[in-house]
């Protein structure tokens, strides 16, 4: 979903430095949540910013997701500060996509999703997504707390 489109005839220098003059606002709501407009009511300014930054932002997000996925192949995961950064970025993006797929718009929607805590009660795709969302939320909160404690310990 984040992989940048390769276009025939694309300027290799522009691709190398991350420019994408043919980029458009995403139509998939989850991708739009990952790559939102930067200026709320100015489509032209948002498009210009998107042209200059979206490719590298996509690549950064993909890199964090790949790094976390590679860690999952290990028997034991011990995160370095850089690894923790990748995991926190990846978990954040996973949660944003799941929140969009679960149609979480406000605190009430989030509370409804958080009620799903028991795997044995999951009956449909939405309830399974809610369980994964809740687990990713717990994991992200735990990781961020550990990262904050690590910062305090270094002082």
N, C-alpha and C. Protein backbone atom coordinates (compact mmCIF):
# COMPACT_ATOMS: atom_id res chain seq x y z
N UNK A 1 0.82 -1.19 0.00
CA UNK A 1 0.00 0.00 0.00
C UNK A 1 0.86 1.26 0.00
N UNK A 2 2.08 1.18 0.51
CA UNK A 2 2.96 2.34 0.54
C UNK A 2 4.00 2.36 -0.58
N UNK A 3 4.14 1.25 -1.27
CA UNK A 3 5.17 1.15 -2.31
C UNK A 3 4.93 2.22 -3.37
N UNK A 4 5.92 3.11 -3.61
CA UNK A 4 5.73 4.13 -4.64
C UNK A 4 5.59 3.49 -6.02
N UNK A 5 4.75 4.08 -6.83
CA UNK A 5 4.56 3.56 -8.19
C UNK A 5 5.78 3.88 -9.04
N UNK A 6 6.24 2.88 -9.78
CA UNK A 6 7.32 3.10 -10.74
C UNK A 6 6.66 3.43 -12.08
N UNK A 7 7.08 4.52 -12.67
CA UNK A 7 6.49 4.94 -13.93
C UNK A 7 7.53 4.86 -15.06
N UNK A 8 7.09 4.45 -16.22
CA UNK A 8 7.98 4.43 -17.38
C UNK A 8 8.36 5.86 -17.73
N UNK A 9 9.62 6.06 -18.04
CA UNK A 9 10.07 7.39 -18.43
C UNK A 9 10.28 8.32 -17.26
N UNK A 10 10.29 7.79 -16.06
CA UNK A 10 10.48 8.64 -14.88
C UNK A 10 11.92 9.14 -14.84
N UNK A 11 12.10 10.38 -14.48
CA UNK A 11 13.42 10.98 -14.37
C UNK A 11 14.18 10.28 -13.25
N UNK A 12 15.30 9.60 -13.56
CA UNK A 12 16.03 8.86 -12.53
C UNK A 12 16.59 9.77 -11.43
N UNK A 13 17.00 10.98 -11.78
CA UNK A 13 17.52 11.90 -10.77
C UNK A 13 16.41 12.32 -9.81
N UNK A 14 15.24 12.60 -10.36
CA UNK A 14 14.11 12.97 -9.50
C UNK A 14 13.76 11.82 -8.56
N UNK A 15 13.77 10.60 -9.07
CA UNK A 15 13.47 9.43 -8.23
C UNK A 15 14.55 9.26 -7.16
N UNK A 16 15.80 9.50 -7.52
CA UNK A 16 16.91 9.34 -6.58
C UNK A 16 16.81 10.32 -5.42
N UNK A 17 16.42 11.54 -5.70
CA UNK A 17 16.35 12.53 -4.62
C UNK A 17 14.95 12.64 -4.00
N UNK A 18 14.02 11.84 -4.49
CA UNK A 18 12.72 11.75 -3.86
C UNK A 18 11.64 12.64 -4.42
N UNK A 19 11.87 13.26 -5.55
CA UNK A 19 10.83 14.10 -6.16
C UNK A 19 9.86 13.24 -6.95
N UNK A 20 8.60 13.60 -6.89
CA UNK A 20 7.58 12.90 -7.67
C UNK A 20 6.54 13.92 -8.11
N UNK A 21 6.73 14.47 -9.29
CA UNK A 21 5.86 15.53 -9.77
C UNK A 21 4.50 15.00 -10.24
N UNK A 22 4.37 13.67 -10.37
CA UNK A 22 3.10 13.09 -10.82
C UNK A 22 2.27 12.55 -9.66
N UNK A 23 2.67 12.81 -8.46
CA UNK A 23 1.97 12.29 -7.29
C UNK A 23 0.60 12.97 -7.13
N UNK A 24 -0.32 12.24 -6.53
CA UNK A 24 -1.66 12.78 -6.28
C UNK A 24 -2.08 12.38 -4.87
N UNK A 25 -3.06 13.07 -4.36
CA UNK A 25 -3.60 12.72 -3.04
C UNK A 25 -4.14 11.29 -3.09
N UNK A 26 -3.80 10.47 -2.09
CA UNK A 26 -4.28 9.07 -2.10
C UNK A 26 -5.80 8.99 -2.07
N UNK A 27 -6.33 7.96 -2.72
CA UNK A 27 -7.77 7.74 -2.70
C UNK A 27 -8.17 6.76 -1.60
N UNK A 28 -7.27 5.84 -1.24
CA UNK A 28 -7.52 4.90 -0.15
C UNK A 28 -7.45 5.67 1.17
N UNK A 29 -8.50 5.58 1.98
CA UNK A 29 -8.55 6.34 3.23
C UNK A 29 -7.41 5.99 4.17
N UNK A 30 -7.00 4.73 4.20
CA UNK A 30 -5.91 4.34 5.09
C UNK A 30 -4.59 4.94 4.63
N UNK A 31 -4.34 4.94 3.33
CA UNK A 31 -3.11 5.54 2.82
C UNK A 31 -3.15 7.05 3.04
N UNK A 32 -4.33 7.63 2.88
CA UNK A 32 -4.46 9.08 3.13
C UNK A 32 -4.18 9.41 4.59
N UNK A 33 -4.51 8.47 5.49
CA UNK A 33 -4.22 8.68 6.91
C UNK A 33 -2.72 8.61 7.16
N UNK A 34 -2.03 7.75 6.40
CA UNK A 34 -0.58 7.64 6.54
C UNK A 34 0.14 8.82 5.87
N UNK A 35 -0.46 9.35 4.83
CA UNK A 35 0.15 10.42 4.03
C UNK A 35 -0.85 11.56 3.87
N UNK A 36 -1.19 12.23 4.96
CA UNK A 36 -2.24 13.26 4.89
C UNK A 36 -1.77 14.54 4.20
N UNK A 37 -2.73 15.36 3.83
CA UNK A 37 -2.40 16.69 3.34
C UNK A 37 -1.81 17.50 4.49
N UNK A 38 -0.81 18.31 4.18
CA UNK A 38 -0.16 19.08 5.24
C UNK A 38 -0.84 20.42 5.51
N UNK A 39 -1.55 20.94 4.52
CA UNK A 39 -2.26 22.20 4.69
C UNK A 39 -3.74 21.90 4.49
N UNK A 40 -4.51 22.09 5.54
CA UNK A 40 -5.91 21.65 5.54
C UNK A 40 -6.74 22.18 4.38
N UNK A 41 -6.72 23.45 4.15
CA UNK A 41 -7.61 24.03 3.14
C UNK A 41 -6.86 24.60 1.93
N UNK A 42 -5.66 24.08 1.67
CA UNK A 42 -4.90 24.57 0.53
C UNK A 42 -4.36 23.38 -0.26
N UNK A 43 -5.17 22.93 -1.22
CA UNK A 43 -4.80 21.78 -2.02
C UNK A 43 -3.51 21.98 -2.81
N UNK A 44 -3.28 23.19 -3.30
CA UNK A 44 -2.08 23.46 -4.09
C UNK A 44 -0.83 23.36 -3.22
N UNK A 45 -0.87 23.93 -2.03
CA UNK A 45 0.29 23.86 -1.12
C UNK A 45 0.53 22.42 -0.67
N UNK A 46 -0.54 21.70 -0.41
CA UNK A 46 -0.40 20.29 -0.01
C UNK A 46 0.20 19.46 -1.15
N UNK A 47 -0.24 19.72 -2.37
CA UNK A 47 0.28 18.98 -3.51
C UNK A 47 1.77 19.28 -3.70
N UNK A 48 2.15 20.53 -3.60
CA UNK A 48 3.56 20.89 -3.76
C UNK A 48 4.41 20.19 -2.70
N UNK A 49 3.96 20.20 -1.46
CA UNK A 49 4.69 19.52 -0.38
C UNK A 49 4.75 18.02 -0.65
N UNK A 50 3.64 17.45 -1.09
CA UNK A 50 3.57 16.02 -1.41
C UNK A 50 4.58 15.67 -2.52
N UNK A 51 4.68 16.51 -3.54
CA UNK A 51 5.61 16.26 -4.64
C UNK A 51 7.06 16.22 -4.14
N UNK A 52 7.36 17.04 -3.16
CA UNK A 52 8.74 17.14 -2.66
C UNK A 52 9.08 16.09 -1.60
N UNK A 53 8.08 15.55 -0.92
CA UNK A 53 8.38 14.71 0.25
C UNK A 53 7.78 13.31 0.25
N UNK A 54 6.72 13.09 -0.51
CA UNK A 54 5.98 11.84 -0.34
C UNK A 54 6.81 10.59 -0.65
N UNK A 55 7.61 10.63 -1.69
CA UNK A 55 8.39 9.44 -2.05
C UNK A 55 9.33 9.05 -0.90
N UNK A 56 10.05 10.00 -0.36
CA UNK A 56 10.98 9.67 0.73
C UNK A 56 10.23 9.28 2.00
N UNK A 57 9.07 9.88 2.24
CA UNK A 57 8.27 9.50 3.40
C UNK A 57 7.77 8.07 3.26
N UNK A 58 7.31 7.72 2.07
CA UNK A 58 6.89 6.33 1.82
C UNK A 58 8.05 5.37 2.07
N UNK A 59 9.22 5.70 1.54
CA UNK A 59 10.38 4.83 1.68
C UNK A 59 10.80 4.69 3.14
N UNK A 60 10.71 5.76 3.91
CA UNK A 60 11.04 5.71 5.34
C UNK A 60 10.06 4.80 6.07
N UNK A 61 8.78 4.94 5.77
CA UNK A 61 7.76 4.10 6.41
C UNK A 61 7.95 2.62 6.04
N UNK A 62 8.22 2.36 4.77
CA UNK A 62 8.45 0.99 4.32
C UNK A 62 9.68 0.42 5.01
N UNK A 63 10.73 1.21 5.13
CA UNK A 63 11.95 0.75 5.80
C UNK A 63 11.70 0.36 7.25
N UNK A 64 10.92 1.16 7.97
CA UNK A 64 10.60 0.84 9.36
C UNK A 64 9.77 -0.44 9.45
N UNK A 65 8.81 -0.58 8.56
CA UNK A 65 7.98 -1.79 8.54
C UNK A 65 8.81 -3.03 8.22
N UNK A 66 9.72 -2.90 7.28
CA UNK A 66 10.59 -4.04 6.91
C UNK A 66 11.52 -4.40 8.06
N UNK A 67 12.09 -3.40 8.72
CA UNK A 67 12.99 -3.66 9.85
C UNK A 67 12.26 -4.41 10.95
N UNK A 68 11.05 -3.98 11.27
CA UNK A 68 10.26 -4.66 12.30
C UNK A 68 9.91 -6.08 11.85
N UNK A 69 9.56 -6.24 10.59
CA UNK A 69 9.21 -7.57 10.08
C UNK A 69 10.41 -8.51 10.15
N UNK A 70 11.58 -8.01 9.84
CA UNK A 70 12.79 -8.84 9.91
C UNK A 70 13.06 -9.28 11.35
N UNK A 71 12.80 -8.39 12.31
CA UNK A 71 12.98 -8.76 13.72
C UNK A 71 12.06 -9.91 14.11
N UNK A 72 10.89 -9.98 13.51
CA UNK A 72 9.94 -11.04 13.87
C UNK A 72 10.42 -12.43 13.50
N UNK A 73 11.41 -12.50 12.61
CA UNK A 73 11.98 -13.80 12.24
C UNK A 73 12.99 -14.32 13.27
N UNK A 74 13.35 -13.49 14.23
CA UNK A 74 14.34 -13.88 15.24
C UNK A 74 13.68 -14.65 16.37
N UNK A 75 14.46 -15.50 17.02
CA UNK A 75 13.96 -16.24 18.17
C UNK A 75 13.73 -15.31 19.36
N UNK A 76 14.57 -14.31 19.48
CA UNK A 76 14.46 -13.35 20.59
C UNK A 76 14.70 -11.96 20.03
N UNK A 77 13.86 -11.03 20.41
CA UNK A 77 13.99 -9.67 19.92
C UNK A 77 14.51 -8.79 21.05
N UNK A 78 15.68 -8.21 20.84
CA UNK A 78 16.25 -7.22 21.75
C UNK A 78 16.47 -5.97 20.92
N UNK A 79 15.78 -4.93 21.27
CA UNK A 79 15.80 -3.72 20.44
C UNK A 79 16.91 -2.76 20.87
N UNK A 80 17.65 -2.30 19.89
CA UNK A 80 18.58 -1.20 20.08
C UNK A 80 17.75 0.09 20.03
N UNK A 81 18.34 1.23 20.38
CA UNK A 81 17.57 2.48 20.23
C UNK A 81 17.08 2.69 18.80
N UNK A 82 17.90 2.36 17.81
CA UNK A 82 17.47 2.49 16.41
C UNK A 82 16.35 1.50 16.09
N UNK A 83 16.46 0.28 16.58
CA UNK A 83 15.42 -0.72 16.37
C UNK A 83 14.11 -0.31 17.02
N UNK A 84 14.21 0.27 18.22
CA UNK A 84 13.01 0.74 18.91
C UNK A 84 12.33 1.85 18.12
N UNK A 85 13.14 2.72 17.52
CA UNK A 85 12.59 3.79 16.68
C UNK A 85 11.83 3.20 15.50
N UNK A 86 12.44 2.19 14.83
CA UNK A 86 11.76 1.55 13.70
C UNK A 86 10.47 0.88 14.14
N UNK A 87 10.51 0.18 15.26
CA UNK A 87 9.31 -0.50 15.76
C UNK A 87 8.22 0.50 16.11
N UNK A 88 8.58 1.61 16.76
CA UNK A 88 7.54 2.58 17.13
C UNK A 88 6.91 3.21 15.89
N UNK A 89 7.74 3.47 14.88
CA UNK A 89 7.20 4.01 13.62
C UNK A 89 6.29 2.99 12.95
N UNK A 90 6.74 1.74 12.89
CA UNK A 90 5.95 0.69 12.24
C UNK A 90 4.63 0.46 12.97
N UNK A 91 4.69 0.37 14.29
CA UNK A 91 3.46 0.15 15.06
C UNK A 91 2.49 1.32 14.90
N UNK A 92 3.01 2.52 14.85
CA UNK A 92 2.16 3.69 14.65
C UNK A 92 1.43 3.59 13.31
N UNK A 93 2.16 3.24 12.26
CA UNK A 93 1.53 3.14 10.94
C UNK A 93 0.53 1.99 10.88
N UNK A 94 0.85 0.86 11.50
CA UNK A 94 -0.09 -0.26 11.54
C UNK A 94 -1.37 0.17 12.26
N UNK A 95 -1.22 0.86 13.38
CA UNK A 95 -2.40 1.32 14.13
C UNK A 95 -3.23 2.31 13.32
N UNK A 96 -2.58 3.20 12.58
CA UNK A 96 -3.33 4.16 11.76
C UNK A 96 -4.15 3.45 10.69
N UNK A 97 -3.57 2.45 10.05
CA UNK A 97 -4.30 1.70 9.03
C UNK A 97 -5.46 0.93 9.66
N UNK A 98 -5.18 0.25 10.77
CA UNK A 98 -6.25 -0.50 11.45
C UNK A 98 -7.36 0.43 11.93
N UNK A 99 -7.00 1.59 12.46
CA UNK A 99 -8.01 2.55 12.92
C UNK A 99 -8.90 2.99 11.77
N UNK A 100 -8.29 3.17 10.61
CA UNK A 100 -9.09 3.57 9.44
C UNK A 100 -10.01 2.43 9.00
N UNK A 101 -9.48 1.23 8.97
CA UNK A 101 -10.29 0.07 8.56
C UNK A 101 -11.41 -0.22 9.56
N UNK A 102 -11.16 0.13 10.84
CA UNK A 102 -12.19 -0.07 11.87
C UNK A 102 -13.11 1.14 12.01
N UNK A 103 -12.86 2.16 11.20
CA UNK A 103 -13.67 3.39 11.18
C UNK A 103 -13.66 4.10 12.53
N UNK A 104 -12.50 4.17 13.16
CA UNK A 104 -12.37 4.90 14.43
C UNK A 104 -12.26 6.38 14.10
N UNK A 105 -13.25 7.14 14.52
CA UNK A 105 -13.29 8.58 14.24
C UNK A 105 -13.20 9.43 15.49
N UNK A 106 -13.63 8.86 16.63
CA UNK A 106 -13.64 9.64 17.86
C UNK A 106 -13.43 8.71 19.06
N UNK A 107 -13.46 9.28 20.23
CA UNK A 107 -13.21 8.53 21.47
C UNK A 107 -14.24 7.42 21.67
N UNK A 108 -15.48 7.68 21.30
CA UNK A 108 -16.53 6.67 21.44
C UNK A 108 -16.25 5.44 20.56
N UNK A 109 -15.82 5.69 19.33
CA UNK A 109 -15.45 4.58 18.44
C UNK A 109 -14.28 3.79 19.02
N UNK A 110 -13.29 4.51 19.56
CA UNK A 110 -12.12 3.85 20.14
C UNK A 110 -12.53 3.00 21.34
N UNK A 111 -13.42 3.50 22.17
CA UNK A 111 -13.89 2.74 23.34
C UNK A 111 -14.60 1.47 22.90
N UNK A 112 -15.39 1.58 21.85
CA UNK A 112 -16.09 0.40 21.31
C UNK A 112 -15.08 -0.67 20.88
N UNK A 113 -14.03 -0.25 20.19
CA UNK A 113 -13.00 -1.19 19.73
C UNK A 113 -12.26 -1.80 20.92
N UNK A 114 -11.98 -0.99 21.92
CA UNK A 114 -11.24 -1.47 23.09
C UNK A 114 -12.04 -2.46 23.93
N UNK A 115 -13.34 -2.53 23.73
CA UNK A 115 -14.15 -3.52 24.45
C UNK A 115 -13.83 -4.94 23.99
N UNK A 116 -13.33 -5.08 22.77
CA UNK A 116 -13.00 -6.42 22.25
C UNK A 116 -11.64 -6.82 22.81
N UNK A 117 -11.66 -7.69 23.82
CA UNK A 117 -10.43 -8.11 24.48
C UNK A 117 -10.22 -9.62 24.49
N UNK A 118 -11.24 -10.37 24.11
CA UNK A 118 -11.19 -11.82 24.25
C UNK A 118 -11.23 -12.48 22.88
N UNK A 119 -10.15 -13.21 22.55
CA UNK A 119 -10.06 -13.88 21.24
C UNK A 119 -11.22 -14.85 21.02
N UNK A 120 -11.71 -15.45 22.09
CA UNK A 120 -12.78 -16.44 21.93
C UNK A 120 -14.10 -15.79 21.52
N UNK A 121 -14.22 -14.48 21.68
CA UNK A 121 -15.45 -13.78 21.29
C UNK A 121 -15.40 -13.21 19.87
N UNK A 122 -14.24 -13.30 19.24
CA UNK A 122 -14.11 -12.76 17.89
C UNK A 122 -14.90 -13.63 16.90
N UNK A 123 -15.80 -12.98 16.18
CA UNK A 123 -16.68 -13.71 15.27
C UNK A 123 -16.58 -13.27 13.82
N UNK A 124 -15.99 -12.10 13.58
CA UNK A 124 -15.91 -11.59 12.22
C UNK A 124 -14.59 -10.85 12.02
N UNK A 125 -14.39 -10.38 10.82
CA UNK A 125 -13.13 -9.70 10.48
C UNK A 125 -12.95 -8.46 11.36
N UNK A 126 -14.01 -7.71 11.58
CA UNK A 126 -13.90 -6.49 12.38
C UNK A 126 -13.44 -6.80 13.81
N UNK A 127 -13.98 -7.85 14.41
CA UNK A 127 -13.57 -8.16 15.78
C UNK A 127 -12.13 -8.65 15.84
N UNK A 128 -11.68 -9.38 14.82
CA UNK A 128 -10.27 -9.78 14.77
C UNK A 128 -9.37 -8.56 14.56
N UNK A 129 -9.77 -7.64 13.70
CA UNK A 129 -9.00 -6.42 13.51
C UNK A 129 -8.95 -5.61 14.80
N UNK A 130 -10.04 -5.59 15.54
CA UNK A 130 -10.07 -4.88 16.82
C UNK A 130 -9.07 -5.49 17.79
N UNK A 131 -9.00 -6.81 17.83
CA UNK A 131 -8.04 -7.48 18.71
C UNK A 131 -6.60 -7.14 18.31
N UNK A 132 -6.32 -7.15 17.02
CA UNK A 132 -4.98 -6.80 16.55
C UNK A 132 -4.69 -5.33 16.87
N UNK A 133 -5.66 -4.47 16.67
CA UNK A 133 -5.49 -3.05 16.99
C UNK A 133 -5.18 -2.88 18.48
N UNK A 134 -5.92 -3.56 19.33
CA UNK A 134 -5.69 -3.44 20.77
C UNK A 134 -4.31 -3.97 21.15
N UNK A 135 -3.89 -5.07 20.55
CA UNK A 135 -2.56 -5.60 20.83
C UNK A 135 -1.48 -4.63 20.36
N UNK A 136 -1.63 -4.10 19.15
CA UNK A 136 -0.65 -3.14 18.63
C UNK A 136 -0.59 -1.89 19.49
N UNK A 137 -1.74 -1.46 20.01
CA UNK A 137 -1.79 -0.31 20.90
C UNK A 137 -1.02 -0.59 22.17
N UNK A 138 -1.28 -1.74 22.78
CA UNK A 138 -0.56 -2.12 24.01
C UNK A 138 0.94 -2.21 23.76
N UNK A 139 1.31 -2.83 22.65
CA UNK A 139 2.72 -3.00 22.32
C UNK A 139 3.39 -1.64 22.11
N UNK A 140 2.72 -0.75 21.40
CA UNK A 140 3.28 0.57 21.16
C UNK A 140 3.42 1.35 22.46
N UNK A 141 2.40 1.31 23.31
CA UNK A 141 2.47 2.01 24.59
C UNK A 141 3.62 1.47 25.44
N UNK A 142 3.77 0.15 25.47
CA UNK A 142 4.85 -0.47 26.25
C UNK A 142 6.21 -0.06 25.70
N UNK A 143 6.35 -0.05 24.39
CA UNK A 143 7.61 0.33 23.76
C UNK A 143 7.95 1.78 24.04
N UNK A 144 6.99 2.67 23.90
CA UNK A 144 7.24 4.09 24.15
C UNK A 144 7.62 4.31 25.61
N UNK A 145 6.96 3.63 26.52
CA UNK A 145 7.34 3.75 27.95
C UNK A 145 8.77 3.28 28.17
N UNK A 146 9.16 2.17 27.56
CA UNK A 146 10.52 1.67 27.68
C UNK A 146 11.52 2.66 27.08
N UNK A 147 11.16 3.27 25.95
CA UNK A 147 12.04 4.25 25.33
C UNK A 147 12.21 5.47 26.22
N UNK A 148 11.13 5.92 26.84
CA UNK A 148 11.21 7.07 27.75
C UNK A 148 12.06 6.75 28.98
N UNK A 149 11.89 5.55 29.52
CA UNK A 149 12.70 5.14 30.67
C UNK A 149 14.18 5.07 30.29
N UNK A 150 14.45 4.62 29.08
CA UNK A 150 15.83 4.53 28.61
C UNK A 150 16.45 5.93 28.52
N UNK A 151 15.66 6.90 28.06
CA UNK A 151 16.16 8.27 28.00
C UNK A 151 16.45 8.83 29.38
N UNK A 152 15.57 8.56 30.33
CA UNK A 152 15.77 9.04 31.70
C UNK A 152 16.99 8.40 32.34
N UNK A 153 17.25 7.12 32.03
CA UNK A 153 18.39 6.40 32.58
C UNK A 153 19.70 6.97 32.05
N UNK A 154 19.72 7.43 30.82
CA UNK A 154 20.94 7.98 30.22
C UNK A 154 21.31 9.34 30.79
N UNK A 155 20.38 10.03 31.39
CA UNK A 155 20.66 11.38 31.91
C UNK A 155 21.47 11.33 33.13
